[in-house]
Amino acid sequence: FNSSRFVDFPPRMLFLDQIEWLADSGISTGWVEPEGTLTYHPWQPITRDAMAAFFYRLAGSPVFDAPATSPFTDVTPATPFYKEMTWMHAQGIATGYADGTFRPWDPVNRDAMAAFMYRVASSPAYTSPAASLFADIELTDQFYKEISWVYQVGVANNADDGTFDPDVPVTREMMAVFMYRLVNPPALTIQITALPGASVG
């Protein structure tokens, strides 16, 4: 692409293709500003509620009856993206926190992003490496398997210094990149499904 529909993402910027793909796919259309222009907020961290909406749309917005009673203590049927968040829960993609919360407005960090990507891909059979691929990831880390998987299938890269930066929030720009690679991975073909009871890695 030589130009962008989003006024806050200039033409010929890195990852423009992936953001335009995200918009063309109907996964995220951005915001309509008062003057009628579109913005994407590429460098803003993506929140957990928006992430749920992105994944629901990536799966084709499947038919889903949101429960009358929320599975999360901090989310109600009136909360924006309630359907999408409860769909994530029903699929086993996001089970929430031990205290019963979903924390919809918290940013998604890179380690959680890896776990969500792995589960959206239906938790494929995968044996994680015996030695960590990253200087800042231990074999005992919560999402070691998922982080290793997203790296080895080409969804996410490491930093120049050999780290994964698991606690760094994912920007909306990078979420577009990760989702594009999930659908068009360089290493293997991944089938995105929307079947109830998807397994959790």
C-alpha atoms as a PDB file:
ATOM      1  CA  PHE A   1       0.000   0.000   0.000  1.00  0.00           C
ATOM      2  CA  ASN A   2       1.236   3.503  -0.841  1.00  0.00           C
ATOM      3  CA  SER A   3      -1.365   5.335   1.224  1.00  0.00           C
ATOM      4  CA  SER A   4      -3.316   4.776   4.399  1.00  0.00           C
ATOM      5  CA  ARG A   5      -6.999   5.256   5.167  1.00  0.00           C
ATOM      6  CA  PHE A   6      -5.960   6.256   8.680  1.00  0.00           C
ATOM      7  CA  VAL A   7      -4.740   9.822   9.120  1.00  0.00           C
ATOM      8  CA  ASP A   8      -2.579   8.874  12.109  1.00  0.00           C
ATOM      9  CA  PHE A   9      -0.668   6.235  10.160  1.00  0.00           C
ATOM     10  CA  PRO A  10       1.273   7.869   7.331  1.00  0.00           C
ATOM     11  CA  PRO A  11       1.778   6.231   3.904  1.00  0.00           C
ATOM     12  CA  ARG A  12       4.743   3.905   3.449  1.00  0.00           C
ATOM     13  CA  MET A  13       5.108   3.354   7.193  1.00  0.00           C
ATOM     14  CA  LEU A  14       6.323  -0.018   8.439  1.00  0.00           C
ATOM     15  CA  PHE A  15       3.431  -2.454   8.957  1.00  0.00           C
ATOM     16  CA  LEU A  16       1.028  -0.363   6.871  1.00  0.00           C
ATOM     17  CA  ASP A  17       0.088  -3.455   4.850  1.00  0.00           C
ATOM     18  CA  GLN A  18      -0.873  -5.386   7.952  1.00  0.00           C
ATOM     19  CA  ILE A  19      -2.996  -2.567   9.368  1.00  0.00           C
ATOM     20  CA  GLU A  20      -4.766  -2.113   6.043  1.00  0.00           C
ATOM     21  CA  TRP A  21      -5.363  -5.874   5.926  1.00  0.00           C
ATOM     22  CA  LEU A  22      -6.878  -5.712   9.400  1.00  0.00           C
ATOM     23  CA  ALA A  23      -9.229  -2.950   8.276  1.00  0.00           C
ATOM     24  CA  ASP A  24     -10.101  -4.649   4.970  1.00  0.00           C
ATOM     25  CA  SER A  25     -10.929  -7.832   6.890  1.00  0.00           C
ATOM     26  CA  GLY A  26     -13.360  -5.960   9.127  1.00  0.00           C
ATOM     27  CA  ILE A  27     -11.360  -6.830  12.240  1.00  0.00           C
ATOM     28  CA  SER A  28     -10.777  -3.203  13.140  1.00  0.00           C
ATOM     29  CA  THR A  29     -12.087  -0.149  11.338  1.00  0.00           C
ATOM     30  CA  GLY A  30     -10.558   2.354  13.755  1.00  0.00           C
ATOM     31  CA  TRP A  31     -12.279   5.471  15.021  1.00  0.00           C
ATOM     32  CA  VAL A  32     -14.276   8.062  13.103  1.00  0.00           C
ATOM     33  CA  GLU A  33     -13.140  11.489  14.265  1.00  0.00           C
ATOM     34  CA  PRO A  34     -15.532  14.484  14.497  1.00  0.00           C
ATOM     35  CA  GLU A  35     -14.252  15.862  11.185  1.00  0.00           C
ATOM     36  CA  GLY A  36     -14.955  12.524   9.491  1.00  0.00           C
ATOM     37  CA  THR A  37     -11.400  11.201   9.225  1.00  0.00           C
ATOM     38  CA  LEU A  38     -10.356   7.754  10.393  1.00  0.00           C
ATOM     39  CA  THR A  39      -7.723   7.056  13.030  1.00  0.00           C
ATOM     40  CA  TYR A  40      -6.234   3.747  14.156  1.00  0.00           C
ATOM     41  CA  HIS A  41      -4.106   4.771  17.185  1.00  0.00           C
ATOM     42  CA  PRO A  42      -1.302   2.417  16.117  1.00  0.00           C
ATOM     43  CA  TRP A  43       1.031   3.044  19.043  1.00  0.00           C
ATOM     44  CA  GLN A  44      -1.622   2.758  21.729  1.00  0.00           C
ATOM     45  CA  PRO A  45      -1.534  -0.505  23.736  1.00  0.00           C
ATOM     46  CA  ILE A  46      -4.378  -2.850  22.864  1.00  0.00           C
ATOM     47  CA  THR A  47      -6.692  -3.596  25.763  1.00  0.00           C
ATOM     48  CA  ARG A  48      -8.117  -6.986  26.645  1.00  0.00           C
ATOM     49  CA  ASP A  49     -11.661  -6.061  25.597  1.00  0.00           C
ATOM     50  CA  ALA A  50     -10.514  -4.823  22.182  1.00  0.00           C
ATOM     51  CA  MET A  51      -8.349  -7.908  21.800  1.00  0.00           C
ATOM     52  CA  ALA A  52     -11.430 -10.060  22.385  1.00  0.00           C
ATOM     53  CA  ALA A  53     -13.297  -8.137  19.687  1.00  0.00           C
ATOM     54  CA  PHE A  54     -10.399  -8.563  17.249  1.00  0.00           C
ATOM     55  CA  PHE A  55     -10.253 -12.335  17.762  1.00  0.00           C
ATOM     56  CA  TYR A  56     -14.035 -12.735  17.533  1.00  0.00           C
ATOM     57  CA  ARG A  57     -14.059 -10.930  14.183  1.00  0.00           C
ATOM     58  CA  LEU A  58     -11.002 -12.860  13.004  1.00  0.00           C
ATOM     59  CA  ALA A  59     -12.990 -16.044  13.595  1.00  0.00           C
ATOM     60  CA  GLY A  60     -15.731 -14.692  11.334  1.00  0.00           C
ATOM     61  CA  SER A  61     -18.043 -13.314  14.048  1.00  0.00           C
ATOM     62  CA  PRO A  62     -19.578 -16.745  14.702  1.00  0.00           C
ATOM     63  CA  VAL A  63     -23.126 -17.127  15.995  1.00  0.00           C
ATOM     64  CA  PHE A  64     -22.920 -16.984  19.778  1.00  0.00           C
ATOM     65  CA  ASP A  65     -25.523 -16.339  22.450  1.00  0.00           C
ATOM     66  CA  ALA A  66     -23.833 -14.389  25.203  1.00  0.00           C
ATOM     67  CA  PRO A  67     -24.768 -15.647  28.667  1.00  0.00           C
ATOM     68  CA  ALA A  68     -27.304 -13.703  30.730  1.00  0.00           C
ATOM     69  CA  THR A  69     -24.943 -13.905  33.695  1.00  0.00           C
ATOM     70  CA  SER A  70     -21.358 -12.802  33.206  1.00  0.00           C
ATOM     71  CA  PRO A  71     -18.585 -15.305  33.965  1.00  0.00           C
ATOM     72  CA  PHE A  72     -16.466 -12.363  35.137  1.00  0.00           C
ATOM     73  CA  THR A  73     -17.012 -10.228  38.236  1.00  0.00           C
ATOM     74  CA  ASP A  74     -15.888  -6.998  36.547  1.00  0.00           C
ATOM     75  CA  VAL A  75     -17.865  -7.431  33.305  1.00  0.00           C
ATOM     76  CA  THR A  76     -21.635  -7.136  32.886  1.00  0.00           C
ATOM     77  CA  PRO A  77     -23.944  -7.678  29.892  1.00  0.00           C
ATOM     78  CA  ALA A  78     -23.915  -3.894  29.472  1.00  0.00           C
ATOM     79  CA  THR A  79     -20.118  -3.735  29.158  1.00  0.00           C
ATOM     80  CA  PRO A  80     -18.896  -2.922  25.623  1.00  0.00           C
ATOM     81  CA  PHE A  81     -17.670  -6.062  23.858  1.00  0.00           C
ATOM     82  CA  TYR A  82     -19.462  -8.268  26.403  1.00  0.00           C
ATOM     83  CA  LYS A  83     -20.387 -10.777  23.702  1.00  0.00           C
ATOM     84  CA  GLU A  84     -16.841 -10.960  22.406  1.00  0.00           C
ATOM     85  CA  MET A  85     -15.295 -11.371  25.863  1.00  0.00           C
ATOM     86  CA  THR A  86     -17.736 -14.107  26.872  1.00  0.00           C
ATOM     87  CA  TRP A  87     -17.149 -15.808  23.520  1.00  0.00           C
ATOM     88  CA  MET A  88     -13.439 -15.887  24.344  1.00  0.00           C
ATOM     89  CA  HIS A  89     -14.324 -17.451  27.683  1.00  0.00           C
ATOM     90  CA  ALA A  90     -16.652 -20.038  26.130  1.00  0.00           C
ATOM     91  CA  GLN A  91     -13.938 -21.013  23.663  1.00  0.00           C
ATOM     92  CA  GLY A  92     -11.356 -21.478  26.403  1.00  0.00           C
ATOM     93  CA  ILE A  93      -9.203 -18.760  24.835  1.00  0.00           C
ATOM     94  CA  ALA A  94      -9.387 -16.452  27.857  1.00  0.00           C
ATOM     95  CA  THR A  95     -10.415 -17.825  31.225  1.00  0.00           C
ATOM     96  CA  GLY A  96      -9.800 -14.648  33.190  1.00  0.00           C
ATOM     97  CA  TYR A  97      -7.878 -14.239  36.416  1.00  0.00           C
ATOM     98  CA  ALA A  98      -7.965 -16.307  39.594  1.00  0.00           C
ATOM     99  CA  ASP A  99     -10.038 -13.623  41.329  1.00  0.00           C
ATOM    100  CA  GLY A 100     -12.811 -13.993  38.747  1.00  0.00           C
ATOM    101  CA  THR A 101     -12.041 -10.817  36.815  1.00  0.00           C
ATOM    102  CA  PHE A 102     -11.372 -10.275  33.125  1.00  0.00           C
ATOM    103  CA  ARG A 103      -9.800  -6.798  33.511  1.00  0.00           C
ATOM    104  CA  PRO A 104     -11.109  -5.590  30.139  1.00  0.00           C
ATOM    105  CA  TRP A 105      -9.273  -2.284  30.129  1.00  0.00           C
ATOM    106  CA  ASP A 106      -5.844  -3.646  31.028  1.00  0.00           C
ATOM    107  CA  PRO A 107      -3.294  -3.778  28.201  1.00  0.00           C
ATOM    108  CA  VAL A 108      -2.374  -7.145  26.710  1.00  0.00           C
ATOM    109  CA  ASN A 109       1.263  -8.008  27.319  1.00  0.00           C
ATOM    110  CA  ARG A 110       3.354 -10.021  24.875  1.00  0.00           C
ATOM    111  CA  ASP A 111       3.319 -13.212  26.954  1.00  0.00           C
ATOM    112  CA  ALA A 112      -0.488 -13.206  27.198  1.00  0.00           C
ATOM    113  CA  MET A 113      -0.685 -12.377  23.489  1.00  0.00           C
ATOM    114  CA  ALA A 114       1.305 -15.535  22.768  1.00  0.00           C
ATOM    115  CA  ALA A 115      -1.102 -17.620  24.839  1.00  0.00           C
ATOM    116  CA  PHE A 116      -4.153 -16.135  23.116  1.00  0.00           C
ATOM    117  CA  MET A 117      -2.659 -16.693  19.665  1.00  0.00           C
ATOM    118  CA  TYR A 118      -1.846 -20.323  20.464  1.00  0.00           C
ATOM    119  CA  ARG A 119      -5.360 -21.004  21.741  1.00  0.00           C
ATOM    120  CA  VAL A 120      -7.047 -19.221  18.834  1.00  0.00           C
ATOM    121  CA  ALA A 121      -5.058 -21.558  16.588  1.00  0.00           C
ATOM    122  CA  SER A 122      -6.748 -24.465  18.458  1.00  0.00           C
ATOM    123  CA  SER A 123      -3.735 -25.289  20.634  1.00  0.00           C
ATOM    124  CA  PRO A 124      -1.852 -27.295  17.971  1.00  0.00           C
ATOM    125  CA  ALA A 125       0.393 -30.168  18.940  1.00  0.00           C
ATOM    126  CA  TYR A 126       3.774 -28.682  19.712  1.00  0.00           C
ATOM    127  CA  THR A 127       6.808 -29.686  21.727  1.00  0.00           C
ATOM    128  CA  SER A 128       8.576 -26.688  23.199  1.00  0.00           C
ATOM    129  CA  PRO A 129      12.385 -26.605  23.012  1.00  0.00           C
ATOM    130  CA  ALA A 130      14.440 -28.021  25.857  1.00  0.00           C
ATOM    131  CA  ALA A 131      16.444 -24.785  26.016  1.00  0.00           C
ATOM    132  CA  SER A 132      14.856 -21.348  25.992  1.00  0.00           C
ATOM    133  CA  LEU A 133      15.054 -19.389  22.759  1.00  0.00           C
ATOM    134  CA  PHE A 134      15.132 -16.063  24.621  1.00  0.00           C
ATOM    135  CA  ALA A 135      17.464 -14.491  27.158  1.00  0.00           C
ATOM    136  CA  ASP A 136      14.544 -13.323  29.318  1.00  0.00           C
ATOM    137  CA  ILE A 137      12.323 -16.426  29.184  1.00  0.00           C
ATOM    138  CA  GLU A 138      12.736 -19.402  31.502  1.00  0.00           C
ATOM    139  CA  LEU A 139      11.436 -22.933  30.949  1.00  0.00           C
ATOM    140  CA  THR A 140       9.343 -22.483  34.098  1.00  0.00           C
ATOM    141  CA  ASP A 141       7.595 -19.321  32.876  1.00  0.00           C
ATOM    142  CA  GLN A 142       3.813 -19.567  32.704  1.00  0.00           C
ATOM    143  CA  PHE A 143       3.552 -19.236  28.924  1.00  0.00           C
ATOM    144  CA  TYR A 144       6.904 -20.720  27.925  1.00  0.00           C
ATOM    145  CA  LYS A 145       5.326 -23.173  25.473  1.00  0.00           C
ATOM    146  CA  GLU A 146       3.095 -20.565  23.837  1.00  0.00           C
ATOM    147  CA  ILE A 147       5.880 -17.996  23.556  1.00  0.00           C
ATOM    148  CA  SER A 148       8.170 -20.547  21.948  1.00  0.00           C
ATOM    149  CA  TRP A 149       5.390 -21.547  19.543  1.00  0.00           C
ATOM    150  CA  VAL A 150       4.576 -18.030  18.308  1.00  0.00           C
ATOM    151  CA  TYR A 151       8.254 -17.487  17.665  1.00  0.00           C
ATOM    152  CA  GLN A 152       8.925 -20.772  15.883  1.00  0.00           C
ATOM    153  CA  VAL A 153       5.897 -20.502  13.577  1.00  0.00           C
ATOM    154  CA  GLY A 154       6.800 -16.904  12.724  1.00  0.00           C
ATOM    155  CA  VAL A 155       3.946 -15.033  14.411  1.00  0.00           C
ATOM    156  CA  ALA A 156       6.251 -13.029  16.688  1.00  0.00           C
ATOM    157  CA  ASN A 157       9.930 -12.170  16.475  1.00  0.00           C
ATOM    158  CA  ASN A 158      12.428 -11.601  19.239  1.00  0.00           C
ATOM    159  CA  ALA A 159      14.085  -8.286  19.981  1.00  0.00           C
ATOM    160  CA  ASP A 160      17.508  -7.451  18.587  1.00  0.00           C
ATOM    161  CA  ASP A 161      19.106  -8.311  21.930  1.00  0.00           C
ATOM    162  CA  GLY A 162      17.642 -11.824  21.942  1.00  0.00           C
ATOM    163  CA  THR A 163      14.829 -11.099  24.388  1.00  0.00           C
ATOM    164  CA  PHE A 164      11.086 -11.597  23.993  1.00  0.00           C
ATOM    165  CA  ASP A 165      10.033  -8.791  26.369  1.00  0.00           C
ATOM    166  CA  PRO A 166       7.085 -10.759  27.816  1.00  0.00           C
ATOM    167  CA  ASP A 167       5.862  -7.948  30.076  1.00  0.00           C
ATOM    168  CA  VAL A 168       5.791  -5.280  27.351  1.00  0.00           C
ATOM    169  CA  PRO A 169       2.269  -4.224  26.266  1.00  0.00           C
ATOM    170  CA  VAL A 170       1.301  -5.038  22.682  1.00  0.00           C
ATOM    171  CA  THR A 171       0.503  -1.957  20.620  1.00  0.00           C
ATOM    172  CA  ARG A 172      -2.427  -1.882  18.210  1.00  0.00           C
ATOM    173  CA  GLU A 173       0.108  -1.695  15.401  1.00  0.00           C
ATOM    174  CA  MET A 174       1.830  -4.888  16.502  1.00  0.00           C
ATOM    175  CA  MET A 175      -1.487  -6.642  17.129  1.00  0.00           C
ATOM    176  CA  ALA A 176      -2.247  -6.145  13.440  1.00  0.00           C
ATOM    177  CA  VAL A 177       1.120  -7.683  12.570  1.00  0.00           C
ATOM    178  CA  PHE A 178       0.651 -10.685  14.868  1.00  0.00           C
ATOM    179  CA  MET A 179      -2.851 -11.381  13.594  1.00  0.00           C
ATOM    180  CA  TYR A 180      -1.735 -11.096   9.975  1.00  0.00           C
ATOM    181  CA  ARG A 181       1.051 -13.585  10.593  1.00  0.00           C
ATOM    182  CA  LEU A 182      -1.323 -15.906  12.444  1.00  0.00           C
ATOM    183  CA  VAL A 183      -3.460 -16.135   9.320  1.00  0.00           C
ATOM    184  CA  ASN A 184      -0.504 -15.996   6.898  1.00  0.00           C
ATOM    185  CA  PRO A 185       2.328 -17.646   8.853  1.00  0.00           C
ATOM    186  CA  PRO A 186       5.679 -18.136   7.151  1.00  0.00           C
ATOM    187  CA  ALA A 187       6.345 -21.443   8.894  1.00  0.00           C
ATOM    188  CA  LEU A 188       3.111 -23.430   8.655  1.00  0.00           C
ATOM    189  CA  THR A 189      -0.593 -23.208   7.906  1.00  0.00           C
ATOM    190  CA  ILE A 190      -2.874 -22.531  10.853  1.00  0.00           C
ATOM    191  CA  GLN A 191      -6.616 -23.123  10.762  1.00  0.00           C
ATOM    192  CA  ILE A 192      -8.578 -20.562  12.778  1.00  0.00           C
ATOM    193  CA  THR A 193     -11.621 -22.208  14.286  1.00  0.00           C
ATOM    194  CA  ALA A 194     -14.589 -21.049  16.330  1.00  0.00           C
ATOM    195  CA  LEU A 195     -15.720 -24.295  17.890  1.00  0.00           C
ATOM    196  CA  PRO A 196     -17.040 -24.411  21.464  1.00  0.00           C
ATOM    197  CA  GLY A 197     -14.680 -25.999  23.920  1.00  0.00           C
ATOM    198  CA  ALA A 198     -11.439 -25.196  22.087  1.00  0.00           C
ATOM    199  CA  SER A 199      -8.565 -26.643  24.074  1.00  0.00           C
ATOM    200  CA  VAL A 200      -6.357 -24.497  26.263  1.00  0.00           C
ATOM    201  CA  GLY A 201      -2.592 -24.855  26.120  1.00  0.00           C
END
